[in-house]
Amino acid sequence: MRILIADDDKALRIALFDALNHTDEREFDLVSDGKAAYALLKSINYDLVIIDMLMPGMRGDEVIEMSSIWNFTREANIIVITGYDPNKVPQNDSIIKALQKPFDAQEILDIIELKSKENEDGQD
């Protein structure tokens, strides 16, 4: 599973990486701004994108919108993290969850496990 973590808060990026990096089956890219996230989405197919709404360069919703327009996130599941009301996150077919900071990393682990099982069931 290939995962992109995009957040301008370095401590949060590292904490998410540490919480999610429990298996050799996961590869990670970590970036601190929206432009870097968008650049990676143009060239790499991710299974999961964890993206903050407010970042320098491009906001998370702008990255998601532009990536969707160009079909860069067609295979990705997106989890949006925000310091604000998660119900105000713009709707997008790729967004599977919006979490308000602070959140428990176990929520993301549960989503990864669920999506992994769905993928396995779909391949049978």
Protein backbone atom coordinates (compact mmCIF):
# COMPACT_ATOMS: atom_id res chain seq x y z
CA MET A 1 0.00 0.00 0.00
CA ARG A 2 1.37 3.38 -1.04
CA ILE A 3 0.47 6.26 1.31
CA LEU A 4 0.94 10.01 0.95
CA ILE A 5 0.85 12.12 4.13
CA ALA A 6 0.56 15.86 3.43
CA ASP A 7 0.50 18.24 6.40
CA ASP A 8 2.48 21.36 7.22
CA ASP A 9 2.75 20.27 10.87
CA LYS A 10 5.99 18.27 10.98
CA ALA A 11 5.20 16.67 14.34
CA LEU A 12 1.85 15.40 13.01
CA ARG A 13 3.44 14.05 9.80
CA ILE A 14 6.00 12.11 11.84
CA ALA A 15 3.38 10.89 14.36
CA LEU A 16 1.15 9.61 11.55
CA PHE A 17 4.09 7.90 9.88
CA ASP A 18 5.12 6.26 13.16
CA ALA A 19 1.55 5.13 13.89
CA LEU A 20 0.95 3.69 10.41
CA ASN A 21 4.37 2.21 9.66
CA HIS A 22 3.86 -1.25 11.17
CA THR A 23 4.37 -3.40 8.11
CA ASP A 24 6.75 -3.71 5.19
CA GLU A 25 3.70 -3.70 2.89
CA ARG A 26 3.34 0.09 3.24
CA GLU A 27 5.40 2.72 1.46
CA PHE A 28 5.20 6.37 2.50
CA ASP A 29 5.82 9.81 1.09
CA LEU A 30 5.60 12.76 3.48
CA VAL A 31 5.27 16.37 2.32
CA SER A 32 4.71 19.69 4.05
CA ASP A 33 2.72 21.69 1.49
CA GLY A 34 0.00 21.39 -1.09
CA LYS A 35 2.18 22.01 -4.13
CA ALA A 36 4.48 19.13 -3.19
CA ALA A 37 1.46 16.87 -2.63
CA TYR A 38 0.01 17.81 -6.01
CA ALA A 39 3.34 17.17 -7.75
CA LEU A 40 3.54 13.67 -6.25
CA LEU A 41 -0.07 12.90 -7.09
CA LYS A 42 0.68 13.70 -10.74
CA SER A 43 3.43 11.09 -10.88
CA ILE A 44 2.62 8.39 -8.30
CA ASN A 45 -0.51 6.27 -7.85
CA TYR A 46 -1.38 6.22 -4.14
CA ASP A 47 -3.73 3.86 -2.39
CA LEU A 48 -4.30 6.32 0.45
CA VAL A 49 -3.81 10.08 0.73
CA ILE A 50 -3.97 11.75 4.13
CA ILE A 51 -4.12 15.48 3.54
CA ASP A 52 -4.55 18.57 5.69
CA MET A 53 -7.02 21.21 4.56
CA LEU A 54 -4.89 24.27 5.32
CA MET A 55 -1.34 24.14 4.02
CA PRO A 56 1.00 26.59 2.32
CA GLY A 57 1.16 26.65 -1.46
CA MET A 58 -2.16 24.94 -2.13
CA ARG A 59 -4.90 24.08 0.32
CA GLY A 60 -5.84 20.43 0.65
CA ASP A 61 -9.21 20.96 -1.01
CA GLU A 62 -7.47 22.62 -3.98
CA VAL A 63 -5.08 19.68 -4.30
CA ILE A 64 -8.00 17.23 -4.21
CA GLU A 65 -10.04 19.23 -6.73
CA MET A 66 -7.16 19.66 -9.21
CA SER A 67 -6.12 16.01 -8.83
CA SER A 68 -9.70 14.88 -9.44
CA ILE A 69 -10.08 17.06 -12.53
CA TRP A 70 -6.96 15.51 -14.04
CA ASN A 71 -7.88 12.07 -12.68
CA PHE A 72 -4.66 11.74 -10.63
CA THR A 73 -6.53 10.33 -7.62
CA ARG A 74 -8.72 7.81 -9.45
CA GLU A 75 -7.43 4.87 -7.40
CA ALA A 76 -6.75 6.72 -4.15
CA ASN A 77 -8.81 6.86 -1.01
CA ILE A 78 -8.49 10.27 0.62
CA ILE A 79 -8.69 11.10 4.31
CA VAL A 80 -8.89 14.82 5.01
CA ILE A 81 -7.62 16.11 8.34
CA THR A 82 -8.64 19.53 9.55
CA GLY A 83 -8.59 21.74 12.59
CA TYR A 84 -12.10 22.86 11.73
CA ASP A 85 -15.51 21.23 11.41
CA PRO A 86 -15.01 18.12 9.22
CA ASN A 87 -18.59 18.47 7.96
CA LYS A 88 -17.49 21.59 6.08
CA VAL A 89 -14.94 19.73 3.98
CA PRO A 90 -15.94 20.05 0.30
CA GLN A 91 -17.45 16.86 -1.09
CA ASN A 92 -15.44 14.69 -3.47
CA ASP A 93 -15.95 11.07 -4.53
CA SER A 94 -12.40 10.17 -3.47
CA ILE A 95 -12.80 11.42 0.11
CA ILE A 96 -13.65 8.50 2.36
CA LYS A 97 -13.36 10.31 5.70
CA ALA A 98 -12.81 13.75 7.19
CA LEU A 99 -11.25 13.86 10.64
CA GLN A 100 -11.01 16.81 12.99
CA LYS A 101 -7.70 17.42 14.76
CA PRO A 102 -6.83 16.13 17.24
CA PHE A 103 -7.81 12.62 16.24
CA ASP A 104 -6.77 9.11 17.20
CA ALA A 105 -4.46 7.47 14.66
CA GLN A 106 -6.37 4.25 15.33
CA GLU A 107 -9.22 5.72 13.24
CA ILE A 108 -6.91 5.81 10.23
CA LEU A 109 -5.56 2.33 10.97
CA ASP A 110 -9.13 1.02 11.06
CA ILE A 111 -9.82 2.62 7.67
CA ILE A 112 -6.66 1.10 6.19
CA GLU A 113 -7.64 -2.33 7.50
CA LEU A 114 -11.17 -2.00 6.12
CA LYS A 115 -9.91 -0.87 2.69
CA SER A 116 -7.33 -3.68 2.61
CA LYS A 117 -10.06 -6.24 3.30
CA GLU A 118 -12.28 -4.69 0.60
CA ASN A 119 -9.39 -4.93 -1.89
CA GLU A 120 -8.75 -8.56 -0.96
CA ASP A 121 -12.45 -9.41 -1.32
CA GLY A 122 -12.56 -7.66 -4.69
CA GLN A 123 -9.65 -9.74 -5.98
CA ASP A 124 -11.22 -13.11 -5.11
